[in-house]
Amino acid sequence: MVFPLFKSMTELLLPVKQEEKIKREKGFASQEAMYKYIKLTEQMNKRVKRRMAKRILEQSLKKRA
């Protein structure tokens, strides 16, 4: 596949992102509910990542001791 030089990756991925957004919207009663769900999952993912980082740090400190 040859893409024109003036197209950036964001322009190429725009239709894909729009399709994903449409798929997500179909599963919710309203956009407001969808945005609340997305916000909550982002917060949850941040907590999980922090916990994992904390565990890894604790394990590495135990190995050093």
C-alpha atoms as a PDB file:
ATOM      1  CA  MET A   1       0.000   0.000   0.000  1.00  0.00           C
ATOM      2  CA  VAL A   2       1.261   3.441  -0.858  1.00  0.00           C
ATOM      3  CA  PHE A   3      -0.039   6.413   1.068  1.00  0.00           C
ATOM      4  CA  PRO A   4       0.318  10.005  -0.023  1.00  0.00           C
ATOM      5  CA  LEU A   5       3.061  11.810   1.872  1.00  0.00           C
ATOM      6  CA  PHE A   6       0.790  14.556   3.179  1.00  0.00           C
ATOM      7  CA  LYS A   7      -1.388  12.162   5.211  1.00  0.00           C
ATOM      8  CA  SER A   8      -0.408  11.788   8.842  1.00  0.00           C
ATOM      9  CA  MET A   9      -1.103   8.786  11.031  1.00  0.00           C
ATOM     10  CA  THR A  10      -3.901  10.657  12.821  1.00  0.00           C
ATOM     11  CA  GLU A  11      -5.657  11.259   9.511  1.00  0.00           C
ATOM     12  CA  LEU A  12      -5.311   7.584   8.628  1.00  0.00           C
ATOM     13  CA  LEU A  13      -6.635   6.418  12.003  1.00  0.00           C
ATOM     14  CA  LEU A  14      -9.553   8.871  12.113  1.00  0.00           C
ATOM     15  CA  PRO A  15     -12.081   6.562  10.384  1.00  0.00           C
ATOM     16  CA  VAL A  16     -11.085   3.690  12.674  1.00  0.00           C
ATOM     17  CA  LYS A  17     -11.593   5.824  15.776  1.00  0.00           C
ATOM     18  CA  GLN A  18     -14.985   6.985  14.512  1.00  0.00           C
ATOM     19  CA  GLU A  19     -16.073   3.366  13.956  1.00  0.00           C
ATOM     20  CA  GLU A  20     -14.993   2.452  17.487  1.00  0.00           C
ATOM     21  CA  LYS A  21     -16.915   5.415  18.882  1.00  0.00           C
ATOM     22  CA  ILE A  22     -20.083   4.367  17.022  1.00  0.00           C
ATOM     23  CA  LYS A  23     -19.739   0.788  18.331  1.00  0.00           C
ATOM     24  CA  ARG A  24     -19.355   2.065  21.886  1.00  0.00           C
ATOM     25  CA  GLU A  25     -22.348   4.398  21.593  1.00  0.00           C
ATOM     26  CA  LYS A  26     -24.633   1.565  20.487  1.00  0.00           C
ATOM     27  CA  GLY A  27     -24.148  -0.245  23.777  1.00  0.00           C
ATOM     28  CA  PHE A  28     -25.234   2.680  25.981  1.00  0.00           C
ATOM     29  CA  ALA A  29     -28.575   4.363  26.565  1.00  0.00           C
ATOM     30  CA  SER A  30     -27.070   7.832  26.136  1.00  0.00           C
ATOM     31  CA  GLN A  31     -23.805   9.567  25.437  1.00  0.00           C
ATOM     32  CA  GLU A  32     -23.683  10.798  29.011  1.00  0.00           C
ATOM     33  CA  ALA A  33     -23.740   7.223  30.320  1.00  0.00           C
ATOM     34  CA  MET A  34     -21.002   6.280  27.867  1.00  0.00           C
ATOM     35  CA  TYR A  35     -18.757   9.150  28.970  1.00  0.00           C
ATOM     36  CA  LYS A  36     -19.279   8.289  32.653  1.00  0.00           C
ATOM     37  CA  TYR A  37     -18.329   4.669  31.923  1.00  0.00           C
ATOM     38  CA  ILE A  38     -15.218   5.697  29.999  1.00  0.00           C
ATOM     39  CA  LYS A  39     -14.151   8.067  32.783  1.00  0.00           C
ATOM     40  CA  LEU A  40     -14.632   5.418  35.467  1.00  0.00           C
ATOM     41  CA  THR A  41     -12.705   2.778  33.510  1.00  0.00           C
ATOM     42  CA  GLU A  42      -9.829   5.222  32.976  1.00  0.00           C
ATOM     43  CA  GLN A  43      -9.691   5.916  36.717  1.00  0.00           C
ATOM     44  CA  MET A  44      -9.792   2.202  37.463  1.00  0.00           C
ATOM     45  CA  ASN A  45      -6.974   1.494  34.999  1.00  0.00           C
ATOM     46  CA  LYS A  46      -4.834   4.181  36.632  1.00  0.00           C
ATOM     47  CA  ARG A  47      -5.365   2.578  40.053  1.00  0.00           C
ATOM     48  CA  VAL A  48      -4.466  -0.864  38.704  1.00  0.00           C
ATOM     49  CA  LYS A  49      -1.292   0.462  37.088  1.00  0.00           C
ATOM     50  CA  ARG A  50      -0.275   2.202  40.317  1.00  0.00           C
ATOM     51  CA  ARG A  51      -0.834  -1.002  42.308  1.00  0.00           C
ATOM     52  CA  MET A  52       1.216  -3.026  39.848  1.00  0.00           C
ATOM     53  CA  ALA A  53       4.037  -0.484  39.937  1.00  0.00           C
ATOM     54  CA  LYS A  54       3.958  -0.513  43.737  1.00  0.00           C
ATOM     55  CA  ARG A  55       4.129  -4.331  43.845  1.00  0.00           C
ATOM     56  CA  ILE A  56       7.035  -4.419  41.407  1.00  0.00           C
ATOM     57  CA  LEU A  57       8.879  -1.813  43.464  1.00  0.00           C
ATOM     58  CA  GLU A  58       8.288  -3.768  46.675  1.00  0.00           C
ATOM     59  CA  GLN A  59       9.473  -7.011  45.051  1.00  0.00           C
ATOM     60  CA  SER A  60      12.637  -5.386  43.741  1.00  0.00           C
ATOM     61  CA  LEU A  61      13.376  -3.920  47.176  1.00  0.00           C
ATOM     62  CA  LYS A  62      12.900  -7.360  48.775  1.00  0.00           C
ATOM     63  CA  LYS A  63      15.293  -8.930  46.287  1.00  0.00           C
ATOM     64  CA  ARG A  64      17.960  -6.348  47.063  1.00  0.00           C
ATOM     65  CA  ALA A  65      17.706  -6.857  50.833  1.00  0.00           C
END
